[in-house]
């Protein structure tokens, strides 16, 4: 069954399992289903616009628009990806993005390219494409912010946790949403940055909302343990630090200091 249909191109969301630190995080990666690609205006009046997933977003969501040739190209890119011809899908997506003056088509093309790169195992390239899709600023809010989250995921995967934190902070700031997935990914990124106290607080927040989420509790405990070990190492370094030698320039101890 297809998700909510719109008078414009829509992306279906599929779950992609990602290991996030000590947490199993499920990243929702936007993908285009060829059956969901249709004209941006529908003549019949029986299709209602779905409710936005980000009602508190500060960004004004643009109305997705697509040309006939753009729709055809996007459909072909999807077909290549489904056939696991990822390099060809990325090549065609780049060609559409570079030739189209339509911001929506550019964003959609780069999003498809990012999906193909991720499916092909090239997370660094996926991050690059997700960034371009985001910068196109042509996707509606649901897809725009999904791409932003996917960018944070790939930044984490490519060992750029500081970038992931910055992207997630922007996501939360613009959407006014603190979804558990965002908090968990940020916590994992903070742990990678050796900021266990902040990570533990976020895991605890997730667990506080959902006591059935035992993984969040385990991760909070692990983060607190990491913090304790960090403090212990600091104490050990302080304990072995040699006392200063009180000596004059000549090397002798001043007579006034002698016992």
C-alpha atoms as a PDB file:
ATOM      1  CA  UNK A   1       0.000   0.000   0.000  1.00  0.00           C
ATOM      2  CA  UNK A   2       1.304   3.404  -0.960  1.00  0.00           C
ATOM      3  CA  UNK A   3       1.582   6.182   1.646  1.00  0.00           C
ATOM      4  CA  UNK A   4      -0.519   9.339   1.531  1.00  0.00           C
ATOM      5  CA  UNK A   5      -0.881  10.497  -2.041  1.00  0.00           C
ATOM      6  CA  UNK A   6      -0.467  14.113  -3.013  1.00  0.00           C
ATOM      7  CA  UNK A   7      -1.036  16.195  -6.132  1.00  0.00           C
ATOM      8  CA  UNK A   8       2.747  16.202  -6.502  1.00  0.00           C
ATOM      9  CA  UNK A   9       5.683  13.789  -6.458  1.00  0.00           C
ATOM     10  CA  UNK A  10       5.877  12.105  -3.045  1.00  0.00           C
ATOM     11  CA  UNK A  11       8.507   9.948  -1.426  1.00  0.00           C
ATOM     12  CA  UNK A  12       7.743   6.699   0.328  1.00  0.00           C
ATOM     13  CA  UNK A  13       9.678   6.148   3.513  1.00  0.00           C
ATOM     14  CA  UNK A  14      11.530   2.889   4.135  1.00  0.00           C
ATOM     15  CA  UNK A  15      13.366   1.919   7.296  1.00  0.00           C
ATOM     16  CA  UNK A  16      17.125   1.452   7.086  1.00  0.00           C
ATOM     17  CA  UNK A  17      18.738  -0.095  10.147  1.00  0.00           C
ATOM     18  CA  UNK A  18      21.766   1.823  11.330  1.00  0.00           C
ATOM     19  CA  UNK A  19      24.078   1.126  14.234  1.00  0.00           C
ATOM     20  CA  UNK A  20      24.358   4.317  16.222  1.00  0.00           C
ATOM     21  CA  UNK A  21      26.986   3.959  18.920  1.00  0.00           C
ATOM     22  CA  UNK A  22      25.612   1.491  21.434  1.00  0.00           C
ATOM     23  CA  UNK A  23      22.140   2.092  20.024  1.00  0.00           C
ATOM     24  CA  UNK A  24      20.231   0.519  17.167  1.00  0.00           C
ATOM     25  CA  UNK A  25      18.704   3.550  15.465  1.00  0.00           C
ATOM     26  CA  UNK A  26      16.227   3.308  12.639  1.00  0.00           C
ATOM     27  CA  UNK A  27      16.824   5.988  10.037  1.00  0.00           C
ATOM     28  CA  UNK A  28      13.899   6.749   7.810  1.00  0.00           C
ATOM     29  CA  UNK A  29      15.353   7.278   4.367  1.00  0.00           C
ATOM     30  CA  UNK A  30      13.118   8.921   1.804  1.00  0.00           C
ATOM     31  CA  UNK A  31      12.770   6.965  -1.402  1.00  0.00           C
ATOM     32  CA  UNK A  32      10.719   7.399  -4.526  1.00  0.00           C
ATOM     33  CA  UNK A  33       8.318   4.668  -5.546  1.00  0.00           C
ATOM     34  CA  UNK A  34       7.689   4.765  -9.315  1.00  0.00           C
ATOM     35  CA  UNK A  35       3.977   4.229  -8.724  1.00  0.00           C
ATOM     36  CA  UNK A  36       3.921   7.281  -6.475  1.00  0.00           C
ATOM     37  CA  UNK A  37       5.408   9.537  -9.145  1.00  0.00           C
ATOM     38  CA  UNK A  38       2.559  11.403 -10.793  1.00  0.00           C
ATOM     39  CA  UNK A  39       1.637  14.790 -12.178  1.00  0.00           C
ATOM     40  CA  UNK A  40       1.982  17.689  -9.748  1.00  0.00           C
ATOM     41  CA  UNK A  41      -1.652  18.689 -10.289  1.00  0.00           C
ATOM     42  CA  UNK A  42      -4.486  16.194 -10.107  1.00  0.00           C
ATOM     43  CA  UNK A  43      -7.750  16.981 -11.827  1.00  0.00           C
ATOM     44  CA  UNK A  44      -9.957  14.950  -9.526  1.00  0.00           C
ATOM     45  CA  UNK A  45     -10.920  16.455  -6.198  1.00  0.00           C
ATOM     46  CA  UNK A  46     -10.991  13.266  -4.154  1.00  0.00           C
ATOM     47  CA  UNK A  47      -7.392  13.498  -2.972  1.00  0.00           C
ATOM     48  CA  UNK A  48      -6.817  15.460   0.207  1.00  0.00           C
ATOM     49  CA  UNK A  49      -3.486  16.908   1.186  1.00  0.00           C
ATOM     50  CA  UNK A  50      -1.972  14.971   4.091  1.00  0.00           C
ATOM     51  CA  UNK A  51      -1.165  16.605   7.392  1.00  0.00           C
ATOM     52  CA  UNK A  52       2.414  17.803   7.607  1.00  0.00           C
ATOM     53  CA  UNK A  53       4.760  15.791   9.787  1.00  0.00           C
ATOM     54  CA  UNK A  54       6.349  19.039  10.920  1.00  0.00           C
ATOM     55  CA  UNK A  55       3.489  21.382  11.818  1.00  0.00           C
ATOM     56  CA  UNK A  56       5.749  23.569  13.946  1.00  0.00           C
ATOM     57  CA  UNK A  57       8.380  24.107  11.242  1.00  0.00           C
ATOM     58  CA  UNK A  58       9.543  27.679  10.788  1.00  0.00           C
ATOM     59  CA  UNK A  59      10.294  27.062   7.101  1.00  0.00           C
ATOM     60  CA  UNK A  60       7.507  27.825   4.634  1.00  0.00           C
ATOM     61  CA  UNK A  61       6.972  24.606   2.719  1.00  0.00           C
ATOM     62  CA  UNK A  62       7.198  25.181  -1.050  1.00  0.00           C
ATOM     63  CA  UNK A  63       4.615  23.599  -3.305  1.00  0.00           C
ATOM     64  CA  UNK A  64       6.395  20.777  -5.151  1.00  0.00           C
ATOM     65  CA  UNK A  65       6.352  21.246  -8.894  1.00  0.00           C
ATOM     66  CA  UNK A  66       7.664  18.973 -11.620  1.00  0.00           C
ATOM     67  CA  UNK A  67       7.858  19.058 -15.383  1.00  0.00           C
ATOM     68  CA  UNK A  68       6.889  16.185 -17.629  1.00  0.00           C
ATOM     69  CA  UNK A  69      10.503  15.566 -18.592  1.00  0.00           C
ATOM     70  CA  UNK A  70      11.591  15.793 -14.955  1.00  0.00           C
ATOM     71  CA  UNK A  71       8.976  13.267 -13.888  1.00  0.00           C
ATOM     72  CA  UNK A  72      10.149  10.889 -16.615  1.00  0.00           C
ATOM     73  CA  UNK A  73      13.782  11.249 -15.544  1.00  0.00           C
ATOM     74  CA  UNK A  74      12.956  10.656 -11.881  1.00  0.00           C
ATOM     75  CA  UNK A  75      11.027   7.522 -12.805  1.00  0.00           C
ATOM     76  CA  UNK A  76      14.017   6.235 -14.763  1.00  0.00           C
ATOM     77  CA  UNK A  77      16.352   6.943 -11.830  1.00  0.00           C
ATOM     78  CA  UNK A  78      14.082   4.948  -9.539  1.00  0.00           C
ATOM     79  CA  UNK A  79      14.082   2.044 -11.977  1.00  0.00           C
ATOM     80  CA  UNK A  80      17.885   2.034 -12.085  1.00  0.00           C
ATOM     81  CA  UNK A  81      18.078   2.044  -8.289  1.00  0.00           C
ATOM     82  CA  UNK A  82      15.587  -0.770  -7.991  1.00  0.00           C
ATOM     83  CA  UNK A  83      17.690  -2.749 -10.463  1.00  0.00           C
ATOM     84  CA  UNK A  84      20.669  -2.039  -8.145  1.00  0.00           C
ATOM     85  CA  UNK A  85      22.416  -0.132 -10.900  1.00  0.00           C
ATOM     86  CA  UNK A  86      23.516   2.491  -8.398  1.00  0.00           C
ATOM     87  CA  UNK A  87      26.333   4.182 -10.382  1.00  0.00           C
ATOM     88  CA  UNK A  88      23.998   4.630 -13.351  1.00  0.00           C
ATOM     89  CA  UNK A  89      21.249   5.957 -11.069  1.00  0.00           C
ATOM     90  CA  UNK A  90      23.621   8.487  -9.549  1.00  0.00           C
ATOM     91  CA  UNK A  91      24.909   9.533 -12.958  1.00  0.00           C
ATOM     92  CA  UNK A  92      21.391  10.120 -14.278  1.00  0.00           C
ATOM     93  CA  UNK A  93      20.382  11.949 -11.103  1.00  0.00           C
ATOM     94  CA  UNK A  94      23.389  14.250 -11.379  1.00  0.00           C
ATOM     95  CA  UNK A  95      22.543  14.940 -15.012  1.00  0.00           C
ATOM     96  CA  UNK A  96      18.982  15.942 -14.097  1.00  0.00           C
ATOM     97  CA  UNK A  97      20.115  18.066 -11.153  1.00  0.00           C
ATOM     98  CA  UNK A  98      22.695  19.919 -13.248  1.00  0.00           C
ATOM     99  CA  UNK A  99      20.382  20.564 -16.183  1.00  0.00           C
ATOM    100  CA  UNK A 100      17.112  21.420 -14.460  1.00  0.00           C
ATOM    101  CA  UNK A 101      16.231  24.952 -13.356  1.00  0.00           C
ATOM    102  CA  UNK A 102      13.481  23.488 -11.182  1.00  0.00           C
ATOM    103  CA  UNK A 103      14.471  23.531  -7.483  1.00  0.00           C
ATOM    104  CA  UNK A 104      12.147  20.633  -6.688  1.00  0.00           C
ATOM    105  CA  UNK A 105      13.565  18.432  -9.448  1.00  0.00           C
ATOM    106  CA  UNK A 106      17.122  19.192  -8.330  1.00  0.00           C
ATOM    107  CA  UNK A 107      16.296  18.318  -4.744  1.00  0.00           C
ATOM    108  CA  UNK A 108      14.476  15.139  -5.730  1.00  0.00           C
ATOM    109  CA  UNK A 109      17.319  14.094  -8.037  1.00  0.00           C
ATOM    110  CA  UNK A 110      19.954  14.593  -5.344  1.00  0.00           C
ATOM    111  CA  UNK A 111      17.803  12.749  -2.816  1.00  0.00           C
ATOM    112  CA  UNK A 112      17.553   9.794  -5.173  1.00  0.00           C
ATOM    113  CA  UNK A 113      21.292   9.962  -5.804  1.00  0.00           C
ATOM    114  CA  UNK A 114      21.898   9.926  -2.044  1.00  0.00           C
ATOM    115  CA  UNK A 115      19.680   6.869  -1.634  1.00  0.00           C
ATOM    116  CA  UNK A 116      21.526   5.094  -4.442  1.00  0.00           C
ATOM    117  CA  UNK A 117      24.886   5.959  -2.899  1.00  0.00           C
ATOM    118  CA  UNK A 118      23.765   4.694   0.514  1.00  0.00           C
ATOM    119  CA  UNK A 119      22.380   1.473  -0.962  1.00  0.00           C
ATOM    120  CA  UNK A 120      25.667   1.037  -2.813  1.00  0.00           C
ATOM    121  CA  UNK A 121      27.596   1.352   0.439  1.00  0.00           C
ATOM    122  CA  UNK A 122      29.122   4.781  -0.182  1.00  0.00           C
ATOM    123  CA  UNK A 123      28.024   6.752   2.867  1.00  0.00           C
ATOM    124  CA  UNK A 124      30.423   9.619   2.187  1.00  0.00           C
ATOM    125  CA  UNK A 125      28.885  10.154  -1.252  1.00  0.00           C
ATOM    126  CA  UNK A 126      25.408   9.806   0.238  1.00  0.00           C
ATOM    127  CA  UNK A 127      26.197  12.580   2.717  1.00  0.00           C
ATOM    128  CA  UNK A 128      27.396  14.782  -0.142  1.00  0.00           C
ATOM    129  CA  UNK A 129      24.180  14.220  -2.091  1.00  0.00           C
ATOM    130  CA  UNK A 130      21.936  14.713   0.947  1.00  0.00           C
ATOM    131  CA  UNK A 131      23.685  18.050   1.529  1.00  0.00           C
ATOM    132  CA  UNK A 132      23.015  19.081  -2.064  1.00  0.00           C
ATOM    133  CA  UNK A 133      19.383  17.998  -1.798  1.00  0.00           C
ATOM    134  CA  UNK A 134      19.062  20.118   1.322  1.00  0.00           C
ATOM    135  CA  UNK A 135      20.751  23.105  -0.281  1.00  0.00           C
ATOM    136  CA  UNK A 136      18.415  22.926  -3.276  1.00  0.00           C
ATOM    137  CA  UNK A 137      15.674  24.111  -0.898  1.00  0.00           C
ATOM    138  CA  UNK A 138      13.022  22.874  -3.315  1.00  0.00           C
ATOM    139  CA  UNK A 139      11.528  19.915  -1.448  1.00  0.00           C
ATOM    140  CA  UNK A 140       8.426  20.248   0.685  1.00  0.00           C
ATOM    141  CA  UNK A 141       8.929  20.265   4.445  1.00  0.00           C
ATOM    142  CA  UNK A 142       8.327  16.551   4.964  1.00  0.00           C
ATOM    143  CA  UNK A 143      11.042  15.584   2.481  1.00  0.00           C
ATOM    144  CA  UNK A 144      13.314  18.555   3.278  1.00  0.00           C
ATOM    145  CA  UNK A 145      13.551  17.651   6.946  1.00  0.00           C
ATOM    146  CA  UNK A 146      13.754  13.937   6.216  1.00  0.00           C
ATOM    147  CA  UNK A 147      16.774  14.712   4.067  1.00  0.00           C
ATOM    148  CA  UNK A 148      18.224  16.802   6.904  1.00  0.00           C
ATOM    149  CA  UNK A 149      17.922  13.861   9.285  1.00  0.00           C
ATOM    150  CA  UNK A 150      19.427  11.494   6.712  1.00  0.00           C
ATOM    151  CA  UNK A 151      22.336  13.916   6.343  1.00  0.00           C
ATOM    152  CA  UNK A 152      22.945  13.734  10.102  1.00  0.00           C
ATOM    153  CA  UNK A 153      22.849   9.925   9.949  1.00  0.00           C
ATOM    154  CA  UNK A 154      25.420   9.760   7.159  1.00  0.00           C
ATOM    155  CA  UNK A 155      27.603  12.345   8.907  1.00  0.00           C
ATOM    156  CA  UNK A 156      27.627  10.089  11.957  1.00  0.00           C
ATOM    157  CA  UNK A 157      28.342   7.028   9.827  1.00  0.00           C
ATOM    158  CA  UNK A 158      31.300   8.740   8.167  1.00  0.00           C
ATOM    159  CA  UNK A 159      32.797   9.643  11.555  1.00  0.00           C
ATOM    160  CA  UNK A 160      31.828  13.301  11.582  1.00  0.00           C
ATOM    161  CA  UNK A 161      29.872  13.393  14.856  1.00  0.00           C
ATOM    162  CA  UNK A 162      30.357  17.141  15.355  1.00  0.00           C
ATOM    163  CA  UNK A 163      28.719  17.791  11.982  1.00  0.00           C
ATOM    164  CA  UNK A 164      25.922  15.385  12.896  1.00  0.00           C
ATOM    165  CA  UNK A 165      25.261  17.288  16.126  1.00  0.00           C
ATOM    166  CA  UNK A 166      25.176  20.610  14.259  1.00  0.00           C
ATOM    167  CA  UNK A 167      22.743  19.217  11.675  1.00  0.00           C
ATOM    168  CA  UNK A 168      20.490  17.755  14.368  1.00  0.00           C
ATOM    169  CA  UNK A 169      20.509  21.026  16.307  1.00  0.00           C
ATOM    170  CA  UNK A 170      19.378  22.807  13.157  1.00  0.00           C
ATOM    171  CA  UNK A 171      16.716  20.158  12.561  1.00  0.00           C
ATOM    172  CA  UNK A 172      15.281  20.540  16.052  1.00  0.00           C
ATOM    173  CA  UNK A 173      15.504  24.325  15.907  1.00  0.00           C
ATOM    174  CA  UNK A 174      13.651  24.600  12.603  1.00  0.00           C
ATOM    175  CA  UNK A 175      11.024  21.904  13.179  1.00  0.00           C
ATOM    176  CA  UNK A 176      10.435  22.439  16.908  1.00  0.00           C
ATOM    177  CA  UNK A 177      10.484  18.644  17.120  1.00  0.00           C
ATOM    178  CA  UNK A 178      12.495  16.552  19.541  1.00  0.00           C
ATOM    179  CA  UNK A 179      11.578  13.134  18.191  1.00  0.00           C
ATOM    180  CA  UNK A 180      13.262  10.173  19.938  1.00  0.00           C
ATOM    181  CA  UNK A 181      15.241   9.298  16.805  1.00  0.00           C
ATOM    182  CA  UNK A 182      16.795  12.763  16.829  1.00  0.00           C
ATOM    183  CA  UNK A 183      17.690  12.567  20.507  1.00  0.00           C
ATOM    184  CA  UNK A 184      19.181   9.076  20.182  1.00  0.00           C
ATOM    185  CA  UNK A 185      21.342   9.997  17.199  1.00  0.00           C
ATOM    186  CA  UNK A 186      22.516  13.174  18.914  1.00  0.00           C
ATOM    187  CA  UNK A 187      23.310  11.238  22.094  1.00  0.00           C
ATOM    188  CA  UNK A 188      25.387   8.724  20.129  1.00  0.00           C
ATOM    189  CA  UNK A 189      27.221  11.562  18.380  1.00  0.00           C
ATOM    190  CA  UNK A 190      27.928  13.290  21.692  1.00  0.00           C
ATOM    191  CA  UNK A 191      29.299  10.049  23.091  1.00  0.00           C
ATOM    192  CA  UNK A 192      31.678   9.858  20.120  1.00  0.00           C
ATOM    193  CA  UNK A 193      32.776  13.402  20.967  1.00  0.00           C
ATOM    194  CA  UNK A 194      33.583  12.287  24.537  1.00  0.00           C
ATOM    195  CA  UNK A 195      30.680  14.242  25.992  1.00  0.00           C
ATOM    196  CA  UNK A 196      29.068  11.406  27.971  1.00  0.00           C
ATOM    197  CA  UNK A 197      27.220  13.601  30.472  1.00  0.00           C
ATOM    198  CA  UNK A 198      25.202  15.260  27.701  1.00  0.00           C
ATOM    199  CA  UNK A 199      24.691  11.921  25.963  1.00  0.00           C
ATOM    200  CA  UNK A 200      23.412  10.301  29.158  1.00  0.00           C
ATOM    201  CA  UNK A 201      20.944  13.138  29.716  1.00  0.00           C
ATOM    202  CA  UNK A 202      19.446  12.635  26.249  1.00  0.00           C
ATOM    203  CA  UNK A 203      19.190   8.875  26.644  1.00  0.00           C
ATOM    204  CA  UNK A 204      17.535   9.420  30.011  1.00  0.00           C
ATOM    205  CA  UNK A 205      15.087  11.829  28.392  1.00  0.00           C
ATOM    206  CA  UNK A 206      14.111   9.202  25.813  1.00  0.00           C
ATOM    207  CA  UNK A 207      13.694   6.569  28.510  1.00  0.00           C
ATOM    208  CA  UNK A 208      11.661   8.965  30.642  1.00  0.00           C
ATOM    209  CA  UNK A 209       9.177   9.353  27.825  1.00  0.00           C
ATOM    210  CA  UNK A 210       9.065   5.653  27.041  1.00  0.00           C
ATOM    211  CA  UNK A 211       9.979   3.366  29.968  1.00  0.00           C
ATOM    212  CA  UNK A 212       9.548   0.394  27.641  1.00  0.00           C
ATOM    213  CA  UNK A 213      12.601   1.555  25.712  1.00  0.00           C
ATOM    214  CA  UNK A 214      15.166  -0.527  27.571  1.00  0.00           C
ATOM    215  CA  UNK A 215      17.882   0.245  25.031  1.00  0.00           C
ATOM    216  CA  UNK A 216      17.662   3.912  25.953  1.00  0.00           C
ATOM    217  CA  UNK A 217      18.075   2.977  29.611  1.00  0.00           C
ATOM    218  CA  UNK A 218      21.065   0.735  28.856  1.00  0.00           C
ATOM    219  CA  UNK A 219      22.654   3.471  26.777  1.00  0.00           C
ATOM    220  CA  UNK A 220      22.095   6.022  29.554  1.00  0.00           C
ATOM    221  CA  UNK A 221      23.817   3.689  32.023  1.00  0.00           C
ATOM    222  CA  UNK A 222      26.670   3.110  29.570  1.00  0.00           C
ATOM    223  CA  UNK A 223      27.088   6.850  29.072  1.00  0.00           C
ATOM    224  CA  UNK A 224      27.181   7.466  32.817  1.00  0.00           C
ATOM    225  CA  UNK A 225      29.771   4.704  33.108  1.00  0.00           C
ATOM    226  CA  UNK A 226      31.798   6.413  30.394  1.00  0.00           C
ATOM    227  CA  UNK A 227      31.523   9.653  32.377  1.00  0.00           C
ATOM    228  CA  UNK A 228      32.679   7.916  35.580  1.00  0.00           C
ATOM    229  CA  UNK A 229      35.671   6.439  33.777  1.00  0.00           C
ATOM    230  CA  UNK A 230      36.472   9.827  32.311  1.00  0.00           C
ATOM    231  CA  UNK A 231      36.428  11.433  35.768  1.00  0.00           C
ATOM    232  CA  UNK A 232      38.522   8.604  37.213  1.00  0.00           C
ATOM    233  CA  UNK A 233      41.178   9.081  34.530  1.00  0.00           C
ATOM    234  CA  UNK A 234      41.295  12.783  35.323  1.00  0.00           C
ATOM    235  CA  UNK A 235      41.791  11.998  39.012  1.00  0.00           C
ATOM    236  CA  UNK A 236      44.548   9.523  38.207  1.00  0.00           C
ATOM    237  CA  UNK A 237      46.358  12.073  36.069  1.00  0.00           C
ATOM    238  CA  UNK A 238      46.125  14.594  38.895  1.00  0.00           C
ATOM    239  CA  UNK A 239      47.417  12.064  41.427  1.00  0.00           C
ATOM    240  CA  UNK A 240      50.573  11.237  39.474  1.00  0.00           C
ATOM    241  CA  UNK A 241      51.387  14.848  38.663  1.00  0.00           C
ATOM    242  CA  UNK A 242      54.756  15.680  40.390  1.00  0.00           C
ATOM    243  CA  UNK A 243      54.851  18.409  43.016  1.00  0.00           C
ATOM    244  CA  UNK A 244      56.560  21.630  41.891  1.00  0.00           C
ATOM    245  CA  UNK A 245      60.220  22.006  42.881  1.00  0.00           C
ATOM    246  CA  UNK A 246      60.630  25.221  44.832  1.00  0.00           C
ATOM    247  CA  UNK A 247      64.096  26.293  43.817  1.00  0.00           C
ATOM    248  CA  UNK A 248      65.751  29.585  43.127  1.00  0.00           C
ATOM    249  CA  UNK A 249      67.345  30.383  39.822  1.00  0.00           C
ATOM    250  CA  UNK A 250      70.654  29.183  41.222  1.00  0.00           C
ATOM    251  CA  UNK A 251      69.110  25.821  41.973  1.00  0.00           C
ATOM    252  CA  UNK A 252      69.307  26.021  45.766  1.00  0.00           C
ATOM    253  CA  UNK A 253      66.351  26.167  48.114  1.00  0.00           C
ATOM    254  CA  UNK A 254      65.969  29.631  49.703  1.00  0.00           C
ATOM    255  CA  UNK A 255      67.129  29.652  53.334  1.00  0.00           C
ATOM    256  CA  UNK A 256      63.876  31.242  54.440  1.00  0.00           C
ATOM    257  CA  UNK A 257      62.004  28.175  53.111  1.00  0.00           C
ATOM    258  CA  UNK A 258      64.216  25.621  54.775  1.00  0.00           C
ATOM    259  CA  UNK A 259      62.809  23.779  57.785  1.00  0.00           C
END
